[in-house]
């Protein structure tokens, strides 16, 4: 295929690439490969300092990139085209591939959506007890900025959403779990403690509680209020809430993610695998790589954060 022949193409003959094609660009500061959401589709089209760019590289399935033949051969250094073609997937191999399976970029966007909801909810809770903090101060992400410019202002999102092959190594998996934890653990502990104290939890007891347990305690308080169909103004109380220190199974994925963040010894990793099994993941899959384990951990964190956000939303709008 020559540039001239490619330019003559008027159709959209698709070429499928293994998304590991992107790793070269993701791992160098000289290239931009920030995912972009356009017309309800995710695109990851690498470019080099405004001099050349791949175009219309659309994510499909878990680990594929679809690009029209014409776009693949548009003017750019020949070595880049050769690089892309080295990751071409034979169309015959697509028969058993789920082209609708969620990819890592979509997962990270769902994580961001959950965080934005959580930020809105925590800010609203603060307002009713005299703590005035904006969502961006609490979670570090600005909903308006994301709506206007996508992920451009938040490179940490792009790093978490880098290619996640099914055969990823244990060390790659642990590093990604650390990046995942860093995204959601930014809610100030002091703010959560203040919320709990205003909800009636004893200051001395709250003082000794760590970050994830603070979120767990807050969930326990709000779940109980929702169970009794209380209004949001019932959150502020001078009576100690019943069961606020209880273990809440909905928070288990956050505790697992925290354990994986600090897992570096073999024994610790084995303990985390045991926890994965207890949460329903078939750890036999890790023999072929940790890609599915990463999917499981990210999905769990999204569900846990979404649970807290949903309970807060229900407190303010019971009919929601």
C-alpha atoms as a PDB file:
ATOM      1  CA  UNK A   1       0.000   0.000   0.000  1.00  0.00           C
ATOM      2  CA  UNK A   2       1.406   3.395  -1.036  1.00  0.00           C
ATOM      3  CA  UNK A   3       0.396   6.863   0.174  1.00  0.00           C
ATOM      4  CA  UNK A   4      -1.094   7.571  -3.267  1.00  0.00           C
ATOM      5  CA  UNK A   5      -3.165   4.398  -3.293  1.00  0.00           C
ATOM      6  CA  UNK A   6      -4.344   5.086   0.251  1.00  0.00           C
ATOM      7  CA  UNK A   7      -5.384   8.628  -0.695  1.00  0.00           C
ATOM      8  CA  UNK A   8      -7.395   7.181  -3.569  1.00  0.00           C
ATOM      9  CA  UNK A   9      -9.473   5.071  -1.195  1.00  0.00           C
ATOM     10  CA  UNK A  10     -12.937   6.522  -0.652  1.00  0.00           C
ATOM     11  CA  UNK A  11     -14.384   3.754   1.501  1.00  0.00           C
ATOM     12  CA  UNK A  12     -13.669   2.951   5.117  1.00  0.00           C
ATOM     13  CA  UNK A  13     -11.895  -0.390   4.779  1.00  0.00           C
ATOM     14  CA  UNK A  14     -11.025  -1.017   8.425  1.00  0.00           C
ATOM     15  CA  UNK A  15      -7.721  -2.270   9.735  1.00  0.00           C
ATOM     16  CA  UNK A  16      -7.686  -3.780  13.224  1.00  0.00           C
ATOM     17  CA  UNK A  17      -4.624  -3.297  15.390  1.00  0.00           C
ATOM     18  CA  UNK A  18      -3.723  -4.872  18.704  1.00  0.00           C
ATOM     19  CA  UNK A  19      -3.827  -1.936  21.108  1.00  0.00           C
ATOM     20  CA  UNK A  20      -0.249  -2.654  22.182  1.00  0.00           C
ATOM     21  CA  UNK A  21       0.476  -0.511  19.133  1.00  0.00           C
ATOM     22  CA  UNK A  22      -0.168   2.410  21.511  1.00  0.00           C
ATOM     23  CA  UNK A  23       2.454   1.491  24.120  1.00  0.00           C
ATOM     24  CA  UNK A  24       5.295   3.136  22.212  1.00  0.00           C
ATOM     25  CA  UNK A  25       3.433   6.442  22.334  1.00  0.00           C
ATOM     26  CA  UNK A  26       1.987   6.140  25.832  1.00  0.00           C
ATOM     27  CA  UNK A  27       5.413   5.609  27.352  1.00  0.00           C
ATOM     28  CA  UNK A  28       7.131   8.641  25.835  1.00  0.00           C
ATOM     29  CA  UNK A  29       6.626  12.300  26.675  1.00  0.00           C
ATOM     30  CA  UNK A  30       7.376  13.195  23.052  1.00  0.00           C
ATOM     31  CA  UNK A  31       4.004  11.888  21.881  1.00  0.00           C
ATOM     32  CA  UNK A  32       0.424  12.744  22.750  1.00  0.00           C
ATOM     33  CA  UNK A  33      -1.940   9.810  22.988  1.00  0.00           C
ATOM     34  CA  UNK A  34      -4.597  11.200  25.334  1.00  0.00           C
ATOM     35  CA  UNK A  35      -7.903   9.358  24.784  1.00  0.00           C
ATOM     36  CA  UNK A  36     -10.697  11.512  23.399  1.00  0.00           C
ATOM     37  CA  UNK A  37     -14.443  10.858  23.490  1.00  0.00           C
ATOM     38  CA  UNK A  38     -16.039  11.961  20.213  1.00  0.00           C
ATOM     39  CA  UNK A  39     -19.523  11.131  18.944  1.00  0.00           C
ATOM     40  CA  UNK A  40     -19.963   8.568  21.726  1.00  0.00           C
ATOM     41  CA  UNK A  41     -16.819   6.710  20.710  1.00  0.00           C
ATOM     42  CA  UNK A  42     -13.358   6.557  22.296  1.00  0.00           C
ATOM     43  CA  UNK A  43     -10.393   7.439  20.102  1.00  0.00           C
ATOM     44  CA  UNK A  44      -6.685   7.039  20.893  1.00  0.00           C
ATOM     45  CA  UNK A  45      -4.816   8.634  18.004  1.00  0.00           C
ATOM     46  CA  UNK A  46      -1.094   9.240  18.705  1.00  0.00           C
ATOM     47  CA  UNK A  47       0.531  12.404  17.431  1.00  0.00           C
ATOM     48  CA  UNK A  48       3.982  13.968  17.464  1.00  0.00           C
ATOM     49  CA  UNK A  49       4.282  17.649  18.397  1.00  0.00           C
ATOM     50  CA  UNK A  50       1.888  18.823  15.715  1.00  0.00           C
ATOM     51  CA  UNK A  51       4.106  17.425  12.949  1.00  0.00           C
ATOM     52  CA  UNK A  52       2.157  14.257  12.207  1.00  0.00           C
ATOM     53  CA  UNK A  53      -0.648  12.218  13.681  1.00  0.00           C
ATOM     54  CA  UNK A  54      -2.584   9.025  13.344  1.00  0.00           C
ATOM     55  CA  UNK A  55      -6.281   9.776  12.902  1.00  0.00           C
ATOM     56  CA  UNK A  56      -9.559   7.974  13.566  1.00  0.00           C
ATOM     57  CA  UNK A  57      -7.958   5.311  15.771  1.00  0.00           C
ATOM     58  CA  UNK A  58     -11.105   4.061  17.470  1.00  0.00           C
ATOM     59  CA  UNK A  59     -11.086   1.649  20.389  1.00  0.00           C
ATOM     60  CA  UNK A  60     -13.205  -1.449  19.874  1.00  0.00           C
ATOM     61  CA  UNK A  61     -13.435  -4.456  22.151  1.00  0.00           C
ATOM     62  CA  UNK A  62     -11.059  -4.806  25.057  1.00  0.00           C
ATOM     63  CA  UNK A  63      -7.749  -4.647  23.220  1.00  0.00           C
ATOM     64  CA  UNK A  64      -8.306  -3.551  19.646  1.00  0.00           C
ATOM     65  CA  UNK A  65      -7.929  -0.364  17.646  1.00  0.00           C
ATOM     66  CA  UNK A  66      -9.943   0.089  14.462  1.00  0.00           C
ATOM     67  CA  UNK A  67      -8.605   2.542  11.889  1.00  0.00           C
ATOM     68  CA  UNK A  68      -9.672   3.096   8.270  1.00  0.00           C
ATOM     69  CA  UNK A  69      -7.001   1.982   5.786  1.00  0.00           C
ATOM     70  CA  UNK A  70      -6.973   5.458   4.245  1.00  0.00           C
ATOM     71  CA  UNK A  71      -6.261   7.134   7.599  1.00  0.00           C
ATOM     72  CA  UNK A  72      -3.524   4.670   8.497  1.00  0.00           C
ATOM     73  CA  UNK A  73      -1.516   5.598   5.419  1.00  0.00           C
ATOM     74  CA  UNK A  74      -1.989   9.349   5.530  1.00  0.00           C
ATOM     75  CA  UNK A  75       1.324  11.252   5.507  1.00  0.00           C
ATOM     76  CA  UNK A  76       3.514  10.375   8.464  1.00  0.00           C
ATOM     77  CA  UNK A  77       6.968   8.820   8.754  1.00  0.00           C
ATOM     78  CA  UNK A  78       7.085   5.411   7.114  1.00  0.00           C
ATOM     79  CA  UNK A  79       8.534   3.891  10.288  1.00  0.00           C
ATOM     80  CA  UNK A  80       5.313   4.774  12.125  1.00  0.00           C
ATOM     81  CA  UNK A  81       3.197   3.035   9.498  1.00  0.00           C
ATOM     82  CA  UNK A  82       5.473  -0.004   9.670  1.00  0.00           C
ATOM     83  CA  UNK A  83       5.142   0.061  13.461  1.00  0.00           C
ATOM     84  CA  UNK A  84       1.345   0.132  13.223  1.00  0.00           C
ATOM     85  CA  UNK A  85       1.210  -2.649  10.642  1.00  0.00           C
ATOM     86  CA  UNK A  86       3.313  -4.872  12.907  1.00  0.00           C
ATOM     87  CA  UNK A  87       0.306  -4.948  15.258  1.00  0.00           C
ATOM     88  CA  UNK A  88      -2.272  -5.698  12.557  1.00  0.00           C
ATOM     89  CA  UNK A  89      -4.759  -8.405  13.496  1.00  0.00           C
ATOM     90  CA  UNK A  90      -5.848 -10.945  10.893  1.00  0.00           C
ATOM     91  CA  UNK A  91      -9.595 -10.465  10.251  1.00  0.00           C
ATOM     92  CA  UNK A  92     -10.002 -14.240  10.625  1.00  0.00           C
ATOM     93  CA  UNK A  93      -8.890 -13.910  14.242  1.00  0.00           C
ATOM     94  CA  UNK A  94     -11.743 -11.515  15.011  1.00  0.00           C
ATOM     95  CA  UNK A  95     -14.430 -14.191  14.816  1.00  0.00           C
ATOM     96  CA  UNK A  96     -14.037 -15.054  18.492  1.00  0.00           C
ATOM     97  CA  UNK A  97     -13.441 -11.506  19.729  1.00  0.00           C
ATOM     98  CA  UNK A  98     -16.186  -9.560  21.486  1.00  0.00           C
ATOM     99  CA  UNK A  99     -15.977  -6.180  19.780  1.00  0.00           C
ATOM    100  CA  UNK A 100     -18.349  -4.711  22.363  1.00  0.00           C
ATOM    101  CA  UNK A 101     -16.312  -5.730  25.422  1.00  0.00           C
ATOM    102  CA  UNK A 102     -15.390  -2.780  27.614  1.00  0.00           C
ATOM    103  CA  UNK A 103     -11.840  -1.463  27.250  1.00  0.00           C
ATOM    104  CA  UNK A 104      -9.688   0.122  29.929  1.00  0.00           C
ATOM    105  CA  UNK A 105     -10.358   3.690  28.746  1.00  0.00           C
ATOM    106  CA  UNK A 106     -14.110   3.258  29.178  1.00  0.00           C
ATOM    107  CA  UNK A 107     -13.523   1.785  32.635  1.00  0.00           C
ATOM    108  CA  UNK A 108     -11.457   4.788  33.681  1.00  0.00           C
ATOM    109  CA  UNK A 109     -14.195   7.115  32.444  1.00  0.00           C
ATOM    110  CA  UNK A 110     -16.733   5.204  34.561  1.00  0.00           C
ATOM    111  CA  UNK A 111     -14.371   5.587  37.504  1.00  0.00           C
ATOM    112  CA  UNK A 112     -14.186   9.333  36.858  1.00  0.00           C
ATOM    113  CA  UNK A 113     -17.982   9.522  36.623  1.00  0.00           C
ATOM    114  CA  UNK A 114     -18.275   7.803  40.018  1.00  0.00           C
ATOM    115  CA  UNK A 115     -15.711  10.177  41.538  1.00  0.00           C
ATOM    116  CA  UNK A 116     -17.513  13.238  40.183  1.00  0.00           C
ATOM    117  CA  UNK A 117     -20.779  11.998  41.689  1.00  0.00           C
ATOM    118  CA  UNK A 118     -19.024  11.299  44.980  1.00  0.00           C
ATOM    119  CA  UNK A 119     -17.511  14.782  45.005  1.00  0.00           C
ATOM    120  CA  UNK A 120     -20.907  16.373  44.415  1.00  0.00           C
ATOM    121  CA  UNK A 121     -22.433  14.303  47.209  1.00  0.00           C
ATOM    122  CA  UNK A 122     -19.710  14.951  49.780  1.00  0.00           C
ATOM    123  CA  UNK A 123     -19.837  18.663  49.016  1.00  0.00           C
ATOM    124  CA  UNK A 124     -23.631  18.675  49.456  1.00  0.00           C
ATOM    125  CA  UNK A 125     -23.324  16.839  52.781  1.00  0.00           C
ATOM    126  CA  UNK A 126     -20.838  19.426  53.970  1.00  0.00           C
ATOM    127  CA  UNK A 127     -23.168  22.253  53.074  1.00  0.00           C
ATOM    128  CA  UNK A 128     -25.903  21.048  55.441  1.00  0.00           C
ATOM    129  CA  UNK A 129     -23.485  20.874  58.389  1.00  0.00           C
ATOM    130  CA  UNK A 130     -21.584  24.090  57.714  1.00  0.00           C
ATOM    131  CA  UNK A 131     -18.575  22.661  55.852  1.00  0.00           C
ATOM    132  CA  UNK A 132     -18.190  24.518  52.606  1.00  0.00           C
ATOM    133  CA  UNK A 133     -15.946  22.643  50.215  1.00  0.00           C
ATOM    134  CA  UNK A 134     -16.400  22.445  46.458  1.00  0.00           C
ATOM    135  CA  UNK A 135     -16.350  19.042  44.735  1.00  0.00           C
ATOM    136  CA  UNK A 136     -13.046  19.814  43.018  1.00  0.00           C
ATOM    137  CA  UNK A 137     -11.454  20.557  46.401  1.00  0.00           C
ATOM    138  CA  UNK A 138     -12.579  17.153  47.627  1.00  0.00           C
ATOM    139  CA  UNK A 139     -11.772  14.855  44.718  1.00  0.00           C
ATOM    140  CA  UNK A 140      -9.370  16.891  42.575  1.00  0.00           C
ATOM    141  CA  UNK A 141     -11.485  16.737  39.406  1.00  0.00           C
ATOM    142  CA  UNK A 142     -13.575  19.556  37.969  1.00  0.00           C
ATOM    143  CA  UNK A 143     -16.765  18.464  36.217  1.00  0.00           C
ATOM    144  CA  UNK A 144     -16.836  21.589  34.019  1.00  0.00           C
ATOM    145  CA  UNK A 145     -13.204  21.100  32.993  1.00  0.00           C
ATOM    146  CA  UNK A 146     -13.846  17.482  32.044  1.00  0.00           C
ATOM    147  CA  UNK A 147     -16.941  18.471  30.064  1.00  0.00           C
ATOM    148  CA  UNK A 148     -15.012  21.158  28.184  1.00  0.00           C
ATOM    149  CA  UNK A 149     -11.639  19.504  27.606  1.00  0.00           C
ATOM    150  CA  UNK A 150     -11.915  15.834  28.456  1.00  0.00           C
ATOM    151  CA  UNK A 151      -8.885  14.381  30.193  1.00  0.00           C
ATOM    152  CA  UNK A 152      -6.318  16.924  28.982  1.00  0.00           C
ATOM    153  CA  UNK A 153      -5.917  18.547  32.401  1.00  0.00           C
ATOM    154  CA  UNK A 154      -5.641  15.204  34.205  1.00  0.00           C
ATOM    155  CA  UNK A 155      -2.732  13.096  32.916  1.00  0.00           C
ATOM    156  CA  UNK A 156      -3.225  10.630  35.784  1.00  0.00           C
ATOM    157  CA  UNK A 157      -6.372   9.414  34.018  1.00  0.00           C
ATOM    158  CA  UNK A 158      -4.407   8.719  30.858  1.00  0.00           C
ATOM    159  CA  UNK A 159      -1.749   6.816  32.794  1.00  0.00           C
ATOM    160  CA  UNK A 160      -4.340   4.594  34.447  1.00  0.00           C
ATOM    161  CA  UNK A 161      -5.999   4.009  31.059  1.00  0.00           C
ATOM    162  CA  UNK A 162      -2.822   2.898  29.292  1.00  0.00           C
ATOM    163  CA  UNK A 163      -2.882  -0.381  27.411  1.00  0.00           C
ATOM    164  CA  UNK A 164      -3.803  -3.250  29.737  1.00  0.00           C
ATOM    165  CA  UNK A 165      -3.019  -6.509  27.928  1.00  0.00           C
ATOM    166  CA  UNK A 166      -4.613  -9.693  29.153  1.00  0.00           C
ATOM    167  CA  UNK A 167      -1.147 -11.154  29.718  1.00  0.00           C
ATOM    168  CA  UNK A 168       0.085  -8.226  31.817  1.00  0.00           C
ATOM    169  CA  UNK A 169       2.659  -9.182  34.411  1.00  0.00           C
ATOM    170  CA  UNK A 170       2.115  -9.177  38.142  1.00  0.00           C
ATOM    171  CA  UNK A 171       4.320  -6.113  38.546  1.00  0.00           C
ATOM    172  CA  UNK A 172       2.399  -4.223  35.854  1.00  0.00           C
ATOM    173  CA  UNK A 173      -0.815  -5.175  37.630  1.00  0.00           C
ATOM    174  CA  UNK A 174       0.419  -3.982  41.033  1.00  0.00           C
ATOM    175  CA  UNK A 175       1.688  -0.707  39.545  1.00  0.00           C
ATOM    176  CA  UNK A 176      -1.685  -0.070  37.916  1.00  0.00           C
ATOM    177  CA  UNK A 177      -3.458  -0.850  41.201  1.00  0.00           C
ATOM    178  CA  UNK A 178      -1.284   1.790  42.849  1.00  0.00           C
ATOM    179  CA  UNK A 179      -2.261   4.337  40.184  1.00  0.00           C
ATOM    180  CA  UNK A 180      -5.912   3.416  40.665  1.00  0.00           C
ATOM    181  CA  UNK A 181      -5.674   3.951  44.416  1.00  0.00           C
ATOM    182  CA  UNK A 182      -4.012   7.339  43.963  1.00  0.00           C
ATOM    183  CA  UNK A 183      -6.976   8.554  41.912  1.00  0.00           C
ATOM    184  CA  UNK A 184      -9.681   7.957  44.493  1.00  0.00           C
ATOM    185  CA  UNK A 185      -7.875   8.303  47.830  1.00  0.00           C
ATOM    186  CA  UNK A 186      -7.514  12.072  47.590  1.00  0.00           C
ATOM    187  CA  UNK A 187     -10.620  12.992  49.626  1.00  0.00           C
ATOM    188  CA  UNK A 188      -9.214  14.812  52.696  1.00  0.00           C
ATOM    189  CA  UNK A 189      -9.427  12.677  55.833  1.00  0.00           C
ATOM    190  CA  UNK A 190     -10.059  15.777  57.909  1.00  0.00           C
ATOM    191  CA  UNK A 191     -13.169  16.581  55.905  1.00  0.00           C
ATOM    192  CA  UNK A 192     -14.568  13.056  56.320  1.00  0.00           C
ATOM    193  CA  UNK A 193     -13.820  13.154  60.046  1.00  0.00           C
ATOM    194  CA  UNK A 194     -15.646  16.470  60.355  1.00  0.00           C
ATOM    195  CA  UNK A 195     -18.675  15.021  58.569  1.00  0.00           C
ATOM    196  CA  UNK A 196     -18.742  12.039  60.907  1.00  0.00           C
ATOM    197  CA  UNK A 197     -18.383  14.195  64.005  1.00  0.00           C
ATOM    198  CA  UNK A 198     -21.295  16.355  62.908  1.00  0.00           C
ATOM    199  CA  UNK A 199     -23.286  13.167  62.322  1.00  0.00           C
ATOM    200  CA  UNK A 200     -22.796  12.319  66.006  1.00  0.00           C
ATOM    201  CA  UNK A 201     -19.754  10.030  65.906  1.00  0.00           C
ATOM    202  CA  UNK A 202     -17.474  10.572  68.951  1.00  0.00           C
ATOM    203  CA  UNK A 203     -14.482  12.761  68.100  1.00  0.00           C
ATOM    204  CA  UNK A 204     -12.059  10.563  70.036  1.00  0.00           C
ATOM    205  CA  UNK A 205     -13.154   7.451  68.143  1.00  0.00           C
ATOM    206  CA  UNK A 206     -13.177   9.175  64.750  1.00  0.00           C
ATOM    207  CA  UNK A 207      -9.668  10.509  65.329  1.00  0.00           C
ATOM    208  CA  UNK A 208      -8.228   6.982  65.169  1.00  0.00           C
ATOM    209  CA  UNK A 209     -10.028   5.912  61.968  1.00  0.00           C
ATOM    210  CA  UNK A 210      -8.122   5.619  58.661  1.00  0.00           C
ATOM    211  CA  UNK A 211      -9.169   6.889  55.249  1.00  0.00           C
ATOM    212  CA  UNK A 212     -11.109   3.921  53.831  1.00  0.00           C
ATOM    213  CA  UNK A 213     -12.750   3.216  57.177  1.00  0.00           C
ATOM    214  CA  UNK A 214     -13.860   6.855  57.267  1.00  0.00           C
ATOM    215  CA  UNK A 215     -15.664   6.383  53.973  1.00  0.00           C
ATOM    216  CA  UNK A 216     -17.072   3.086  55.246  1.00  0.00           C
ATOM    217  CA  UNK A 217     -18.339   4.766  58.432  1.00  0.00           C
ATOM    218  CA  UNK A 218     -19.957   7.522  56.392  1.00  0.00           C
ATOM    219  CA  UNK A 219     -21.682   4.920  54.219  1.00  0.00           C
ATOM    220  CA  UNK A 220     -22.968   3.118  57.335  1.00  0.00           C
ATOM    221  CA  UNK A 221     -24.432   6.340  58.729  1.00  0.00           C
ATOM    222  CA  UNK A 222     -26.150   7.308  55.489  1.00  0.00           C
ATOM    223  CA  UNK A 223     -27.433   3.809  54.714  1.00  0.00           C
ATOM    224  CA  UNK A 224     -29.133   3.735  58.127  1.00  0.00           C
ATOM    225  CA  UNK A 225     -30.734   7.123  57.511  1.00  0.00           C
ATOM    226  CA  UNK A 226     -32.003   5.939  54.130  1.00  0.00           C
ATOM    227  CA  UNK A 227     -33.320   2.690  55.613  1.00  0.00           C
ATOM    228  CA  UNK A 228     -35.463   4.756  57.977  1.00  0.00           C
ATOM    229  CA  UNK A 229     -36.387   7.162  55.157  1.00  0.00           C
ATOM    230  CA  UNK A 230     -34.925  10.128  57.000  1.00  0.00           C
ATOM    231  CA  UNK A 231     -34.527  13.534  55.341  1.00  0.00           C
ATOM    232  CA  UNK A 232     -31.077  14.965  54.634  1.00  0.00           C
ATOM    233  CA  UNK A 233     -31.306  17.387  57.563  1.00  0.00           C
ATOM    234  CA  UNK A 234     -31.314  14.336  59.883  1.00  0.00           C
ATOM    235  CA  UNK A 235     -27.655  13.758  58.991  1.00  0.00           C
ATOM    236  CA  UNK A 236     -26.533  16.325  61.572  1.00  0.00           C
ATOM    237  CA  UNK A 237     -27.003  14.796  65.006  1.00  0.00           C
ATOM    238  CA  UNK A 238     -25.720  14.958  68.570  1.00  0.00           C
ATOM    239  CA  UNK A 239     -26.406  11.242  69.129  1.00  0.00           C
ATOM    240  CA  UNK A 240     -23.915   8.537  68.190  1.00  0.00           C
ATOM    241  CA  UNK A 241     -25.206   6.696  65.100  1.00  0.00           C
ATOM    242  CA  UNK A 242     -25.837   3.023  65.634  1.00  0.00           C
ATOM    243  CA  UNK A 243     -23.426   0.697  63.821  1.00  0.00           C
ATOM    244  CA  UNK A 244     -21.278   3.433  62.334  1.00  0.00           C
ATOM    245  CA  UNK A 245     -18.070   1.417  62.910  1.00  0.00           C
ATOM    246  CA  UNK A 246     -19.449  -1.818  61.409  1.00  0.00           C
ATOM    247  CA  UNK A 247     -17.747  -3.614  58.540  1.00  0.00           C
ATOM    248  CA  UNK A 248     -19.572  -2.899  55.278  1.00  0.00           C
ATOM    249  CA  UNK A 249     -19.104  -5.506  52.558  1.00  0.00           C
ATOM    250  CA  UNK A 250     -19.681  -2.869  49.862  1.00  0.00           C
ATOM    251  CA  UNK A 251     -16.313  -1.335  50.756  1.00  0.00           C
ATOM    252  CA  UNK A 252     -14.349  -4.584  50.310  1.00  0.00           C
ATOM    253  CA  UNK A 253     -13.007  -3.619  46.844  1.00  0.00           C
ATOM    254  CA  UNK A 254     -11.479  -0.428  48.287  1.00  0.00           C
ATOM    255  CA  UNK A 255      -9.699  -2.357  51.022  1.00  0.00           C
ATOM    256  CA  UNK A 256      -8.457  -4.845  48.410  1.00  0.00           C
ATOM    257  CA  UNK A 257      -7.161  -2.039  46.195  1.00  0.00           C
ATOM    258  CA  UNK A 258      -5.339  -0.557  49.172  1.00  0.00           C
ATOM    259  CA  UNK A 259      -3.754  -3.918  49.978  1.00  0.00           C
ATOM    260  CA  UNK A 260      -2.652  -4.337  46.368  1.00  0.00           C
ATOM    261  CA  UNK A 261      -1.175  -0.838  46.406  1.00  0.00           C
ATOM    262  CA  UNK A 262       1.296  -1.845  49.071  1.00  0.00           C
ATOM    263  CA  UNK A 263       1.779  -5.467  47.985  1.00  0.00           C
ATOM    264  CA  UNK A 264       5.417  -6.058  47.178  1.00  0.00           C
ATOM    265  CA  UNK A 265       6.258  -9.231  49.067  1.00  0.00           C
ATOM    266  CA  UNK A 266       5.238 -12.634  47.735  1.00  0.00           C
ATOM    267  CA  UNK A 267       3.255 -13.381  50.886  1.00  0.00           C
ATOM    268  CA  UNK A 268       1.267 -10.156  50.572  1.00  0.00           C
ATOM    269  CA  UNK A 269       0.388 -10.863  46.943  1.00  0.00           C
ATOM    270  CA  UNK A 270      -0.811 -14.340  47.919  1.00  0.00           C
ATOM    271  CA  UNK A 271      -3.060 -12.790  50.569  1.00  0.00           C
ATOM    272  CA  UNK A 272      -4.487 -10.416  47.949  1.00  0.00           C
ATOM    273  CA  UNK A 273      -5.170 -13.321  45.600  1.00  0.00           C
ATOM    274  CA  UNK A 274      -7.046 -15.016  48.420  1.00  0.00           C
ATOM    275  CA  UNK A 275      -9.138 -11.853  48.834  1.00  0.00           C
ATOM    276  CA  UNK A 276      -9.777 -11.757  45.079  1.00  0.00           C
ATOM    277  CA  UNK A 277     -11.096 -15.322  45.291  1.00  0.00           C
ATOM    278  CA  UNK A 278     -13.315 -14.405  48.224  1.00  0.00           C
ATOM    279  CA  UNK A 279     -14.780 -11.543  46.192  1.00  0.00           C
ATOM    280  CA  UNK A 280     -15.623 -13.922  43.351  1.00  0.00           C
ATOM    281  CA  UNK A 281     -12.648 -13.737  40.980  1.00  0.00           C
ATOM    282  CA  UNK A 282     -11.277 -16.955  39.495  1.00  0.00           C
ATOM    283  CA  UNK A 283      -7.585 -16.565  40.299  1.00  0.00           C
ATOM    284  CA  UNK A 284      -6.701 -19.488  38.023  1.00  0.00           C
ATOM    285  CA  UNK A 285      -6.836 -16.866  35.266  1.00  0.00           C
ATOM    286  CA  UNK A 286      -3.706 -15.098  36.551  1.00  0.00           C
ATOM    287  CA  UNK A 287      -1.564 -17.932  35.235  1.00  0.00           C
ATOM    288  CA  UNK A 288      -2.084 -16.421  31.791  1.00  0.00           C
ATOM    289  CA  UNK A 289      -1.696 -12.843  32.997  1.00  0.00           C
ATOM    290  CA  UNK A 290      -3.271 -10.272  35.281  1.00  0.00           C
ATOM    291  CA  UNK A 291      -5.397  -8.364  32.766  1.00  0.00           C
ATOM    292  CA  UNK A 292      -8.699  -9.824  33.952  1.00  0.00           C
ATOM    293  CA  UNK A 293      -7.668  -9.269  37.565  1.00  0.00           C
ATOM    294  CA  UNK A 294      -7.155  -5.581  36.790  1.00  0.00           C
ATOM    295  CA  UNK A 295     -10.609  -5.423  35.199  1.00  0.00           C
ATOM    296  CA  UNK A 296     -12.060  -6.990  38.338  1.00  0.00           C
ATOM    297  CA  UNK A 297     -10.297  -4.578  40.702  1.00  0.00           C
ATOM    298  CA  UNK A 298     -11.255  -1.473  38.725  1.00  0.00           C
ATOM    299  CA  UNK A 299     -14.878  -2.622  38.400  1.00  0.00           C
ATOM    300  CA  UNK A 300     -14.984  -3.258  42.155  1.00  0.00           C
ATOM    301  CA  UNK A 301     -13.650   0.189  43.018  1.00  0.00           C
ATOM    302  CA  UNK A 302     -16.169   1.808  40.659  1.00  0.00           C
ATOM    303  CA  UNK A 303     -19.015  -0.147  42.263  1.00  0.00           C
ATOM    304  CA  UNK A 304     -17.889   0.754  45.796  1.00  0.00           C
ATOM    305  CA  UNK A 305     -17.501   4.475  45.082  1.00  0.00           C
ATOM    306  CA  UNK A 306     -20.761   4.445  43.152  1.00  0.00           C
ATOM    307  CA  UNK A 307     -22.489   2.855  46.148  1.00  0.00           C
ATOM    308  CA  UNK A 308     -21.421   5.710  48.432  1.00  0.00           C
ATOM    309  CA  UNK A 309     -22.450   8.295  45.828  1.00  0.00           C
ATOM    310  CA  UNK A 310     -25.846   6.627  45.319  1.00  0.00           C
ATOM    311  CA  UNK A 311     -26.616   6.513  49.052  1.00  0.00           C
ATOM    312  CA  UNK A 312     -25.792  10.230  49.396  1.00  0.00           C
ATOM    313  CA  UNK A 313     -27.961  11.037  46.366  1.00  0.00           C
ATOM    314  CA  UNK A 314     -30.806   8.986  47.855  1.00  0.00           C
ATOM    315  CA  UNK A 315     -30.529  10.911  51.128  1.00  0.00           C
ATOM    316  CA  UNK A 316     -31.064  14.188  49.270  1.00  0.00           C
ATOM    317  CA  UNK A 317     -33.577  12.819  46.784  1.00  0.00           C
ATOM    318  CA  UNK A 318     -35.328   9.680  48.099  1.00  0.00           C
ATOM    319  CA  UNK A 319     -37.228   9.204  44.866  1.00  0.00           C
ATOM    320  CA  UNK A 320     -34.088   9.095  42.751  1.00  0.00           C
END
